[in-house]
Protein backbone atom coordinates (compact mmCIF):
# COMPACT_ATOMS: atom_id res chain seq x y z
CA MET A 1 101.52 134.60 60.16
CA ALA A 2 102.31 131.82 62.59
CA LYS A 3 99.32 130.39 64.38
CA ALA A 4 99.13 130.91 68.14
CA LYS A 5 99.97 127.92 70.29
CA LEU A 6 97.02 126.23 71.93
CA GLN A 7 97.10 125.64 75.68
CA ALA A 8 95.13 123.57 78.15
CA PRO A 9 92.22 125.37 79.84
CA LYS A 10 93.07 127.31 82.99
CA GLY A 11 92.89 125.30 86.19
CA VAL A 12 93.24 121.86 84.59
CA SER A 13 95.60 119.39 86.23
CA GLU A 14 97.38 117.46 83.49
CA TYR A 15 100.43 115.24 83.75
CA VAL A 16 103.19 114.58 81.22
CA PRO A 17 106.39 112.52 81.61
CA PRO A 18 108.26 112.27 83.85
CA ARG A 19 105.74 113.53 86.44
CA SER A 20 102.97 111.40 84.93
CA ARG A 21 104.84 108.33 86.19
CA ALA A 22 104.61 109.68 89.72
CA PHE A 23 100.90 110.40 89.20
CA GLU A 24 100.35 106.82 88.01
CA PHE A 25 102.27 105.44 91.00
CA VAL A 26 100.18 107.46 93.48
CA ARG A 27 96.89 106.53 91.79
CA ASP A 28 97.74 102.82 91.78
CA CYS A 29 98.75 102.95 95.45
CA LEU A 30 95.33 104.40 96.28
CA ILE A 31 93.44 101.83 94.18
CA ASN A 32 95.25 98.62 95.20
CA PRO A 33 93.98 98.37 98.82
CA ALA A 34 90.39 98.49 97.52
CA ARG A 35 91.08 95.69 95.03
CA LYS A 36 92.62 93.59 97.80
CA ALA A 37 89.49 94.10 99.92
CA GLY A 38 87.22 92.74 97.18
CA TYR A 39 85.95 96.00 95.71
CA GLN A 40 85.16 95.87 91.97
CA LEU A 41 85.56 98.51 89.28
CA ILE A 42 82.60 100.65 88.23
CA GLU A 43 83.22 102.93 85.24
CA LEU A 44 80.95 105.97 85.31
CA PRO A 45 79.82 108.60 82.78
CA VAL A 46 81.76 111.86 82.89
CA PHE A 47 78.45 113.78 82.58
CA GLU A 48 75.02 113.12 84.08
CA ASP A 49 71.58 114.73 84.23
CA THR A 50 71.92 117.85 86.37
CA GLU A 51 69.07 116.69 88.61
CA LEU A 52 71.22 113.83 89.89
CA PHE A 53 73.54 116.28 91.61
CA THR A 54 70.96 118.84 92.73
CA ARG A 55 69.01 116.04 94.44
CA GLY A 56 71.93 113.91 95.49
CA VAL A 57 74.60 116.41 96.54
CA GLY A 58 72.32 119.15 97.86
CA GLU A 59 71.28 122.61 96.66
CA SER A 60 72.78 124.31 99.73
CA THR A 61 76.31 123.14 98.93
CA ASP A 62 78.89 125.28 97.16
CA VAL A 63 79.36 122.37 94.75
CA VAL A 64 75.81 122.69 93.41
CA SER A 65 75.20 126.41 93.90
CA LYS A 66 78.54 127.73 92.60
CA GLU A 67 80.90 125.12 91.18
CA MET A 68 79.15 122.80 88.70
CA TYR A 69 79.85 122.86 84.97
CA THR A 70 76.29 122.72 83.65
CA PHE A 71 75.18 123.08 80.03
CA GLU A 72 72.26 122.29 77.75
CA ASP A 73 72.84 119.51 75.23
CA ARG A 74 71.42 119.41 71.68
CA GLY A 75 68.24 117.81 72.95
CA GLY A 76 67.60 120.63 75.41
CA ARG A 77 68.52 118.50 78.44
CA SER A 78 70.44 120.02 81.35
CA ILE A 79 73.74 118.12 81.66
CA THR A 80 76.50 118.52 84.28
CA LEU A 81 80.11 117.34 84.26
CA ARG A 82 80.45 115.16 87.35
CA PRO A 83 81.69 117.17 90.36
CA GLU A 84 81.94 114.08 92.61
CA GLY A 85 81.52 110.32 92.38
CA THR A 86 79.06 109.01 94.96
CA ALA A 87 75.83 110.27 93.38
CA GLY A 88 76.77 108.72 90.02
CA VAL A 89 77.64 105.41 91.67
CA MET A 90 74.29 105.34 93.48
CA ARG A 91 72.41 106.13 90.26
CA ALA A 92 74.22 103.25 88.51
CA VAL A 93 73.60 100.85 91.40
CA ILE A 94 69.85 101.60 91.28
CA GLU A 95 69.65 101.52 87.47
CA HIS A 96 71.49 98.21 87.11
CA GLY A 97 69.96 96.50 90.16
CA LEU A 98 73.18 96.00 92.08
CA ASP A 99 71.23 96.76 95.25
CA ARG A 100 69.13 93.64 94.54
CA GLY A 101 72.10 91.29 94.64
CA GLN A 102 74.72 90.33 97.18
CA LEU A 103 75.17 93.05 99.79
CA PRO A 104 77.14 95.05 100.46
CA ALA A 105 77.80 96.10 96.88
CA LYS A 106 81.51 97.01 97.01
CA LEU A 107 82.70 99.25 94.17
CA TRP A 108 85.72 101.38 93.30
CA TYR A 109 86.21 104.04 90.64
CA SER A 110 88.81 106.52 89.47
CA GLY A 111 88.94 109.36 86.99
CA ALA A 112 88.56 113.06 86.35
CA PHE A 113 86.01 115.29 88.10
CA PHE A 114 85.10 118.90 87.44
CA ARG A 115 84.36 121.97 89.57
CA ALA A 116 84.44 125.65 88.63
CA GLU A 117 86.97 126.49 91.34
CA ARG A 118 89.30 129.45 91.63
CA PRO A 119 92.52 127.70 90.50
CA GLN A 120 95.38 127.45 92.98
CA ALA A 121 97.88 124.83 94.11
CA GLY A 122 95.91 121.71 94.97
CA ARG A 123 92.57 123.15 93.83
CA TYR A 124 91.78 122.52 90.17
CA ARG A 125 88.84 122.75 87.82
CA GLN A 126 89.64 119.29 86.50
CA PHE A 127 90.97 117.02 89.23
CA TYR A 128 91.43 113.30 89.77
CA GLN A 129 90.01 111.02 92.44
CA VAL A 130 90.00 107.41 93.51
CA GLY A 131 86.83 106.43 95.35
CA ILE A 132 85.06 103.45 96.86
CA GLU A 133 81.49 102.80 97.98
CA ALA A 134 80.16 99.98 100.21
CA ILE A 135 76.38 99.94 99.83
CA GLY A 136 73.69 97.96 101.60
CA LEU A 137 74.69 97.35 105.23
CA ASP A 138 74.73 99.64 108.27
CA ASP A 139 77.63 97.95 110.06
CA PRO A 140 80.28 99.98 111.95
CA ALA A 141 82.88 97.38 110.94
CA ILE A 142 82.37 98.42 107.29
CA ASP A 143 82.93 102.04 108.31
CA ALA A 144 86.25 101.02 109.84
CA GLU A 145 87.22 98.97 106.78
CA VAL A 146 86.51 101.86 104.40
CA ILE A 147 88.64 104.22 106.50
CA ALA A 148 91.38 101.57 106.75
CA ILE A 149 91.46 101.15 102.95
CA ALA A 150 92.06 104.88 102.51
CA ASP A 151 94.72 104.85 105.21
CA ALA A 152 96.45 101.86 103.57
CA GLY A 153 96.54 103.74 100.25
CA PHE A 154 98.26 106.75 101.78
CA LYS A 155 100.70 104.52 103.65
CA ALA A 156 101.50 102.62 100.41
CA ILE A 157 102.63 105.92 98.89
CA GLY A 158 104.82 106.41 101.95
CA LEU A 159 102.92 109.37 103.43
CA SER A 160 103.32 109.90 107.17
CA LYS A 161 102.62 113.57 107.87
CA TYR A 162 98.85 113.38 107.86
CA ARG A 163 96.09 112.92 110.41
CA LEU A 164 92.65 111.35 110.30
CA ASP A 165 89.78 113.53 111.57
CA ILE A 166 86.52 111.72 112.40
CA THR A 167 83.08 112.67 113.69
CA SER A 168 79.48 111.48 113.55
CA LEU A 169 76.69 113.47 111.91
CA GLY A 170 74.16 111.17 113.54
CA ASP A 171 70.87 109.77 112.32
CA ALA A 172 67.65 111.63 111.46
CA GLN A 173 66.61 111.76 115.13
CA SER A 174 69.99 113.24 116.15
CA ARG A 175 70.01 115.88 113.42
CA SER A 176 66.39 116.86 114.04
CA ALA A 177 67.05 117.53 117.75
CA HIS A 178 70.25 119.42 116.95
CA ARG A 179 68.65 121.48 114.19
CA VAL A 180 66.12 123.05 116.57
CA ASP A 181 68.83 124.54 118.79
CA LEU A 182 71.19 125.32 115.89
CA VAL A 183 68.51 127.33 114.06
CA LYS A 184 67.80 129.28 117.27
CA PHE A 185 71.53 130.05 117.60
CA ILE A 186 71.93 131.11 113.96
CA ALA A 187 68.94 133.46 114.33
CA THR A 188 71.03 135.48 116.81
CA LEU A 189 73.81 136.08 114.25
CA ASP A 190 74.14 139.05 111.91
CA LEU A 191 74.37 137.30 108.53
CA ASP A 192 74.14 138.48 104.93
CA GLU A 193 71.15 137.36 102.89
CA ALA A 194 73.03 134.71 100.87
CA THR A 195 74.37 133.07 104.04
CA LYS A 196 70.91 133.16 105.63
CA ALA A 197 69.50 131.42 102.56
CA ARG A 198 72.15 128.68 102.79
CA ALA A 199 71.43 128.22 106.49
CA GLU A 200 67.71 127.83 105.79
CA LEU A 201 68.42 125.01 103.35
CA ASN A 202 70.94 123.32 105.66
CA PRO A 203 72.14 125.08 108.83
CA LEU A 204 75.08 122.65 109.11
CA ARG A 205 76.61 124.38 106.09
CA LEU A 206 77.72 127.29 108.29
CA PHE A 207 80.19 124.98 110.05
CA ASP A 208 81.85 124.49 106.65
CA ASP A 209 82.01 128.22 105.81
CA LYS A 210 85.67 129.22 105.37
CA ARG A 211 85.19 132.96 106.03
CA SER A 212 86.90 133.95 109.26
CA GLU A 213 83.97 136.06 110.48
CA ILE A 214 81.56 133.13 110.07
CA ALA A 215 83.98 130.71 111.71
CA GLN A 216 84.29 133.10 114.66
CA ALA A 217 80.52 133.57 114.90
CA MET A 218 79.97 129.78 114.93
CA GLN A 219 82.38 129.19 117.82
CA GLY A 220 79.53 129.07 120.31
CA ALA A 221 77.16 127.02 118.13
CA PRO A 222 75.69 123.78 119.54
CA LEU A 223 77.56 120.71 118.25
CA LEU A 224 75.81 117.73 116.69
CA MET A 225 78.01 115.30 118.63
CA ASP A 226 76.17 116.40 121.80
CA TYR A 227 72.80 115.44 120.30
CA LEU A 228 73.55 111.90 119.09
CA SER A 229 70.83 109.34 119.69
CA ASP A 230 71.74 106.22 121.64
CA ALA A 231 71.90 104.20 118.40
CA SER A 232 74.15 106.75 116.65
CA ARG A 233 76.44 107.05 119.65
CA ALA A 234 76.75 103.26 119.97
CA HIS A 235 77.54 102.95 116.24
CA PHE A 236 80.22 105.63 116.41
CA GLU A 237 81.80 104.14 119.54
CA LYS A 238 82.12 100.82 117.69
CA VAL A 239 83.79 102.54 114.72
CA LYS A 240 86.39 104.10 117.04
CA GLU A 241 86.91 100.74 118.76
CA TYR A 242 87.57 99.02 115.42
CA LEU A 243 89.96 101.77 114.29
CA ASP A 244 91.90 101.36 117.54
CA ALA A 245 92.05 97.59 116.96
CA LEU A 246 93.49 98.24 113.49
CA GLY A 247 96.14 100.57 114.92
CA ILE A 248 94.77 103.58 113.01
CA SER A 249 95.16 106.80 114.98
CA TRP A 250 92.35 109.37 114.77
CA THR A 251 91.38 112.81 116.03
CA LEU A 252 87.81 113.69 117.00
CA ASN A 253 86.66 116.82 115.13
CA PRO A 254 83.07 117.64 116.19
CA ARG A 255 82.89 120.70 113.88
CA MET A 256 83.55 118.76 110.68
CA VAL A 257 80.57 118.50 108.32
CA ARG A 258 82.28 118.02 104.91
CA GLY A 259 81.08 119.83 101.78
CA LEU A 260 78.22 117.58 100.64
CA ASP A 261 74.72 117.36 102.09
CA TYR A 262 74.26 113.59 101.86
CA TYR A 263 76.62 112.69 104.74
CA THR A 264 75.16 111.09 107.89
CA GLY A 265 76.70 109.10 110.74
CA THR A 266 80.42 108.37 110.48
CA THR A 267 82.24 111.15 108.61
CA PHE A 268 86.00 111.50 108.14
CA GLU A 269 88.76 113.47 106.46
CA PHE A 270 92.50 112.95 105.98
CA VAL A 271 94.49 116.17 106.41
CA HIS A 272 98.15 116.64 105.40
CA GLU A 273 100.23 119.06 107.43
CA LEU A 274 102.49 120.25 104.57
CA LEU A 275 99.87 121.36 102.04
CA GLY A 276 98.78 124.70 103.49
CA ALA A 277 95.23 125.85 102.76
CA GLN A 278 94.38 122.86 100.53
CA SER A 279 95.33 120.32 103.18
CA GLY A 280 92.55 117.77 102.69
CA ILE A 281 93.86 114.76 100.75
CA GLY A 282 90.69 112.69 100.96
CA GLY A 283 87.61 111.95 102.98
CA GLY A 284 84.13 110.55 103.03
CA GLY A 285 81.46 109.12 105.23
CA ARG A 286 78.14 107.36 105.55
CA TYR A 287 75.14 108.53 103.50
CA ASP A 288 71.98 106.89 104.83
CA GLY A 289 69.02 108.15 102.79
CA LEU A 290 70.89 109.01 99.59
CA MET A 291 69.69 105.94 97.69
CA ALA A 292 66.05 106.63 98.60
CA GLU A 293 66.49 110.29 97.60
CA LEU A 294 67.58 109.10 94.15
CA GLY A 295 64.61 106.75 93.74
CA GLY A 296 66.05 103.52 95.14
CA GLN A 297 65.63 101.45 98.26
CA GLU A 298 66.18 102.65 101.83
CA LEU A 299 69.72 101.27 101.95
CA SER A 300 72.70 102.63 103.82
CA GLY A 301 76.13 103.21 102.32
CA ILE A 302 79.58 104.55 103.08
CA GLY A 303 82.48 105.59 100.87
CA PHE A 304 85.32 108.00 100.23
CA GLY A 305 86.95 110.12 97.55
CA LEU A 306 90.74 110.47 97.67
CA GLY A 307 92.46 113.27 95.77
CA VAL A 308 95.17 111.90 93.49
CA ASP A 309 96.47 115.42 92.75
CA ARG A 310 96.65 116.30 96.45
CA ALA A 311 98.21 112.96 97.39
CA LEU A 312 100.91 113.53 94.75
CA LEU A 313 101.58 117.03 96.12
CA ALA A 314 101.81 115.54 99.61
CA ALA A 315 104.26 112.87 98.41
CA GLU A 316 106.39 115.55 96.77
CA ALA A 317 106.23 117.69 99.92
CA GLU A 318 107.54 114.72 101.91
CA SER A 319 110.28 114.14 99.28
CA LEU A 320 108.97 110.65 98.54
CA ILE A 321 108.98 110.95 94.74
CA GLU A 322 112.25 110.36 92.92
CA SER A 323 112.73 109.80 89.20
CA ASP A 324 114.67 106.60 89.94
CA ASP A 325 111.42 105.08 91.19
CA PHE A 326 109.98 105.10 87.67
CA VAL A 327 112.43 103.60 85.17
CA SER A 328 112.51 100.81 82.63
CA ASP A 329 114.37 97.60 83.36
CA LEU A 330 116.29 97.37 80.09
CA PHE A 331 117.21 99.56 77.12
CA ILE A 332 118.22 97.62 73.97
CA ILE A 333 120.42 99.24 71.31
CA PRO A 334 120.24 97.28 68.03
CA LEU A 335 122.99 97.63 65.42
CA GLY A 336 121.64 96.57 62.01
CA GLU A 337 118.46 95.16 60.57
CA LEU A 338 118.84 91.62 62.00
CA ALA A 339 119.56 93.08 65.45
CA LYS A 340 116.46 95.28 65.24
CA ARG A 341 114.25 92.30 64.52
CA THR A 342 115.91 90.27 67.28
CA SER A 343 115.51 93.21 69.69
CA LEU A 344 111.78 93.26 69.03
CA GLU A 345 111.61 89.53 69.78
CA ILE A 346 113.66 89.84 73.00
CA ALA A 347 111.63 92.82 74.17
CA ALA A 348 108.35 90.99 73.53
CA GLN A 349 109.51 87.96 75.53
CA LEU A 350 110.74 90.04 78.47
CA ARG A 351 107.58 92.16 78.53
CA LYS A 352 105.46 89.00 78.74
CA LEU A 353 107.47 88.16 81.86
CA GLY A 354 106.68 91.51 83.44
CA LYS A 355 109.76 93.56 82.54
CA THR A 356 109.69 97.09 81.13
CA VAL A 357 111.87 97.18 78.02
CA GLU A 358 112.68 99.99 75.59
CA ILE A 359 114.42 99.86 72.20
CA ALA A 360 116.52 102.52 70.48
CA PHE A 361 114.68 103.07 67.21
CA GLY A 362 115.70 105.20 64.25
CA ASP A 363 119.05 103.51 63.36
CA ARG A 364 121.03 105.87 65.57
CA ALA A 365 124.80 105.68 65.83
CA LEU A 366 126.03 103.91 68.97
CA LYS A 367 127.08 107.14 70.69
CA GLY A 368 123.68 108.77 70.17
CA ALA A 369 121.85 105.62 71.22
CA MET A 370 123.85 105.44 74.47
CA LYS A 371 122.85 109.05 75.23
CA ALA A 372 119.22 108.08 74.67
CA ALA A 373 119.66 105.12 77.04
CA ASP A 374 121.11 107.40 79.69
CA LYS A 375 118.24 109.91 79.36
CA SER A 376 115.65 107.14 79.50
CA GLY A 377 116.61 106.32 83.08
CA ALA A 378 116.84 102.59 82.30
CA LYS A 379 118.49 100.40 84.91
CA TYR A 380 120.40 98.33 82.33
CA VAL A 381 121.44 98.60 78.70
CA ILE A 382 122.66 96.08 76.13
CA VAL A 383 124.09 96.60 72.67
CA LEU A 384 122.92 93.97 70.19
CA GLY A 385 124.80 93.43 66.95
CA ASP A 386 125.61 90.53 64.61
CA SER A 387 128.41 89.22 66.85
CA GLU A 388 126.16 89.18 69.95
CA ILE A 389 123.42 87.36 68.03
CA THR A 390 125.94 84.80 66.73
CA SER A 391 127.50 84.18 70.16
CA GLY A 392 124.17 84.29 72.00
CA SER A 393 125.60 86.54 74.73
CA VAL A 394 125.61 90.29 75.46
CA GLU A 395 127.32 92.74 77.79
CA LEU A 396 124.74 93.85 80.37
CA LYS A 397 125.65 97.31 81.65
CA GLU A 398 124.21 98.72 84.87
CA MET A 399 123.73 102.39 84.08
CA LYS A 400 124.11 103.79 87.59
CA SER A 401 127.41 102.06 88.41
CA GLY A 402 128.76 101.47 84.91
CA ILE A 403 129.54 97.83 85.83
CA THR A 404 129.18 95.35 82.96
CA SER A 405 128.76 91.59 83.01
CA SER A 406 128.55 89.03 80.23
CA VAL A 407 125.21 87.16 80.15
CA THR A 408 123.52 84.93 77.63
CA ILE A 409 120.51 86.32 75.83
CA ASP A 410 118.43 83.43 77.17
CA SER A 411 119.33 84.33 80.77
CA LEU A 412 118.46 88.05 80.52
CA ILE A 413 115.32 87.66 82.63
CA THR A 414 117.31 86.02 85.43
CA ALA A 415 120.03 88.65 85.24
CA LEU A 416 117.53 91.52 85.35
CA SER A 417 115.72 90.01 88.31
CA LYS A 418 118.96 89.80 90.28
């Protein structure tokens, strides 16, 4: 009896060629602006002690209460696959003393994250993010830079049909004043016991409830933006001023709270108009108090997480992804043993100079090798045999037009660059 085929777990986003090339392109576009701004890579564990997320993300959030992949390891410890990046970064910063050095500590990360979601387009149980964190200074100019880095990443992909929503969740004084009136308002609502329990832990969570009846009930709720302290309001006004100076358009969304409890002050989300229900392609905000909550200093920080899967879907929705964008520069077809060895040498030299080069392996006949070259999507192809090696020149064929030109083997790099 034939064995059943194995499949990836339900709800996992995985990428194989040719779409994996588009995924790589989108991910690199999101990472590069952070590199250019002086952010450095931090590589994090895929799993952490569960307490990191219950303390750092917040017990009232759906992430902690419903969506974490938590298990007991062989030593009886409670371990959780990372559902987000910021808490892990803060734990690493504290553990390795990065908060004791030059501030702000500016870090970027990328990789897979895990939430027990109900799978649908754009919402996966394993998903990919690019994130940055700037830790150690409470400067509105850093807030603007972080937002600008995210915006630059989306623009590098070519995205245009998105908007930036911003708000301020204030400081402790602002939230304390707002909480008094918000709790009084929520007490007038007819809520189920589970929703009441969430509201007791963090009443702001009801602004993030996606159920239509809750959204309707919260229409008359007092808004945190109306309770900002003078310091919080001044900080937020500066952030908006800097964004205007950078030419980054924004929309004020006073009902936005995001899905994690650690956010304070400046909070933002990028929303794409072509993605339907899963329209958020990235967001973040400031998280004053998170480091102290995790056992570190009282230092401020701000960061974001950008969804690579969602950004790719957005790029495809805007028809920005074409297979021609991800091709090799040259496909070499060797005829004979000497040509195969010479092809390896040529390919190695061109790759050192930054070109993407493929070789037809397997001693295929010329006709079959040309079909392979065509399927590879290479821009150019050369056939290399004994006569070409002896003469030192080859016929360079542009695959799209079919035009050929005679070039010397030594000048291939120049010819490909043209």
